[in-house]
């Protein structure tokens, strides 16, 4: 039982680290980003450089709500439109 609990704790800790690298949004660097990042008060033009190993999704609304407007693959540099970005 204790071994199972220890494994679950280690698994949960491993998922909380987020993407390794830097996600740059409108000249603001987010190091090792994780989860939902608020990047604008309202839907706005965004310049995004994804220098992480994870895919980022741009959401039209705050809180990573609303439709996904762009998918930003690792190593790409794109222009997008939205209010928040989710990256794991």
C-alpha atoms as a PDB file:
ATOM      1  CA  UNK A   1       0.000   0.000   0.000  1.00  0.00           C
ATOM      2  CA  UNK A   2       2.782   2.472   0.896  1.00  0.00           C
ATOM      3  CA  UNK A   3       4.643   1.703  -2.333  1.00  0.00           C
ATOM      4  CA  UNK A   4       1.531   2.515  -4.362  1.00  0.00           C
ATOM      5  CA  UNK A   5       1.039   5.805  -2.499  1.00  0.00           C
ATOM      6  CA  UNK A   6       4.690   6.735  -3.089  1.00  0.00           C
ATOM      7  CA  UNK A   7       4.353   5.992  -6.793  1.00  0.00           C
ATOM      8  CA  UNK A   8       1.245   8.165  -7.033  1.00  0.00           C
ATOM      9  CA  UNK A   9       2.989  11.051  -5.286  1.00  0.00           C
ATOM     10  CA  UNK A  10       5.996  10.824  -7.615  1.00  0.00           C
ATOM     11  CA  UNK A  11       3.723  10.663 -10.659  1.00  0.00           C
ATOM     12  CA  UNK A  12       1.800  13.748  -9.587  1.00  0.00           C
ATOM     13  CA  UNK A  13       5.017  15.669  -8.910  1.00  0.00           C
ATOM     14  CA  UNK A  14       6.366  14.792 -12.347  1.00  0.00           C
ATOM     15  CA  UNK A  15       3.389  16.308 -14.134  1.00  0.00           C
ATOM     16  CA  UNK A  16       3.605  19.622 -12.267  1.00  0.00           C
ATOM     17  CA  UNK A  17       6.941  20.697 -13.741  1.00  0.00           C
ATOM     18  CA  UNK A  18       5.525  21.984 -17.035  1.00  0.00           C
ATOM     19  CA  UNK A  19       7.295  22.549 -20.317  1.00  0.00           C
ATOM     20  CA  UNK A  20      11.057  22.911 -20.244  1.00  0.00           C
ATOM     21  CA  UNK A  21      12.390  25.956 -22.033  1.00  0.00           C
ATOM     22  CA  UNK A  22      11.036  29.411 -22.761  1.00  0.00           C
ATOM     23  CA  UNK A  23       7.771  30.595 -24.249  1.00  0.00           C
ATOM     24  CA  UNK A  24       8.063  34.217 -25.394  1.00  0.00           C
ATOM     25  CA  UNK A  25       4.840  36.174 -25.820  1.00  0.00           C
ATOM     26  CA  UNK A  26       5.042  39.797 -27.015  1.00  0.00           C
ATOM     27  CA  UNK A  27       8.648  40.073 -25.763  1.00  0.00           C
ATOM     28  CA  UNK A  28       7.818  38.616 -22.305  1.00  0.00           C
ATOM     29  CA  UNK A  29       9.688  35.400 -21.491  1.00  0.00           C
ATOM     30  CA  UNK A  30       7.914  32.643 -19.532  1.00  0.00           C
ATOM     31  CA  UNK A  31      10.534  30.157 -18.303  1.00  0.00           C
ATOM     32  CA  UNK A  32       9.406  26.534 -17.916  1.00  0.00           C
ATOM     33  CA  UNK A  33       5.743  27.495 -18.407  1.00  0.00           C
ATOM     34  CA  UNK A  34       2.938  25.290 -17.146  1.00  0.00           C
ATOM     35  CA  UNK A  35      -0.847  25.405 -17.304  1.00  0.00           C
ATOM     36  CA  UNK A  36      -2.840  28.400 -18.430  1.00  0.00           C
ATOM     37  CA  UNK A  37      -0.937  31.653 -18.942  1.00  0.00           C
ATOM     38  CA  UNK A  38      -2.879  34.912 -19.043  1.00  0.00           C
ATOM     39  CA  UNK A  39      -1.239  37.039 -21.748  1.00  0.00           C
ATOM     40  CA  UNK A  40      -3.793  39.771 -22.553  1.00  0.00           C
ATOM     41  CA  UNK A  41      -6.782  41.395 -20.842  1.00  0.00           C
ATOM     42  CA  UNK A  42      -8.904  40.861 -23.957  1.00  0.00           C
ATOM     43  CA  UNK A  43      -8.349  39.084 -27.282  1.00  0.00           C
ATOM     44  CA  UNK A  44      -5.311  40.765 -28.850  1.00  0.00           C
ATOM     45  CA  UNK A  45      -2.617  40.180 -31.469  1.00  0.00           C
ATOM     46  CA  UNK A  46       0.181  38.051 -30.019  1.00  0.00           C
ATOM     47  CA  UNK A  47       3.709  37.284 -31.217  1.00  0.00           C
ATOM     48  CA  UNK A  48       4.677  33.867 -29.857  1.00  0.00           C
ATOM     49  CA  UNK A  49       7.988  32.002 -29.970  1.00  0.00           C
ATOM     50  CA  UNK A  50       7.788  28.488 -28.544  1.00  0.00           C
ATOM     51  CA  UNK A  51      11.270  27.415 -27.480  1.00  0.00           C
ATOM     52  CA  UNK A  52       9.983  24.550 -25.303  1.00  0.00           C
ATOM     53  CA  UNK A  53       9.470  20.864 -25.966  1.00  0.00           C
ATOM     54  CA  UNK A  54       5.682  21.147 -25.646  1.00  0.00           C
ATOM     55  CA  UNK A  55       2.791  22.257 -27.840  1.00  0.00           C
ATOM     56  CA  UNK A  56       1.054  25.480 -26.754  1.00  0.00           C
ATOM     57  CA  UNK A  57      -2.548  26.325 -27.599  1.00  0.00           C
ATOM     58  CA  UNK A  58      -3.781  29.904 -27.876  1.00  0.00           C
ATOM     59  CA  UNK A  59      -7.301  30.496 -26.551  1.00  0.00           C
ATOM     60  CA  UNK A  60      -9.511  33.372 -27.561  1.00  0.00           C
ATOM     61  CA  UNK A  61     -10.728  34.083 -24.029  1.00  0.00           C
ATOM     62  CA  UNK A  62      -9.071  34.498 -20.617  1.00  0.00           C
ATOM     63  CA  UNK A  63      -8.617  31.429 -18.442  1.00  0.00           C
ATOM     64  CA  UNK A  64      -7.933  29.266 -21.513  1.00  0.00           C
ATOM     65  CA  UNK A  65     -11.629  29.378 -22.343  1.00  0.00           C
ATOM     66  CA  UNK A  66     -13.297  29.782 -25.692  1.00  0.00           C
ATOM     67  CA  UNK A  67     -12.063  28.450 -28.995  1.00  0.00           C
ATOM     68  CA  UNK A  68      -8.435  27.616 -29.727  1.00  0.00           C
ATOM     69  CA  UNK A  69      -7.196  30.150 -32.261  1.00  0.00           C
ATOM     70  CA  UNK A  70      -3.716  28.693 -32.888  1.00  0.00           C
ATOM     71  CA  UNK A  71      -1.571  25.695 -32.031  1.00  0.00           C
ATOM     72  CA  UNK A  72       2.096  26.580 -31.525  1.00  0.00           C
ATOM     73  CA  UNK A  73       4.435  23.620 -32.025  1.00  0.00           C
ATOM     74  CA  UNK A  74       7.877  23.505 -30.400  1.00  0.00           C
ATOM     75  CA  UNK A  75      10.473  25.557 -32.259  1.00  0.00           C
ATOM     76  CA  UNK A  76       7.970  27.783 -34.061  1.00  0.00           C
ATOM     77  CA  UNK A  77       7.520  31.544 -34.136  1.00  0.00           C
ATOM     78  CA  UNK A  78       4.021  32.720 -35.081  1.00  0.00           C
ATOM     79  CA  UNK A  79       1.549  35.587 -34.938  1.00  0.00           C
ATOM     80  CA  UNK A  80      -1.725  34.696 -33.219  1.00  0.00           C
ATOM     81  CA  UNK A  81      -4.823  36.269 -31.676  1.00  0.00           C
ATOM     82  CA  UNK A  82      -6.097  35.491 -28.187  1.00  0.00           C
ATOM     83  CA  UNK A  83      -6.087  36.187 -24.443  1.00  0.00           C
ATOM     84  CA  UNK A  84      -4.462  33.115 -22.886  1.00  0.00           C
ATOM     85  CA  UNK A  85      -2.148  30.203 -23.698  1.00  0.00           C
ATOM     86  CA  UNK A  86      -2.177  26.643 -22.338  1.00  0.00           C
ATOM     87  CA  UNK A  87       1.050  24.649 -22.225  1.00  0.00           C
ATOM     88  CA  UNK A  88       1.883  21.494 -20.255  1.00  0.00           C
END
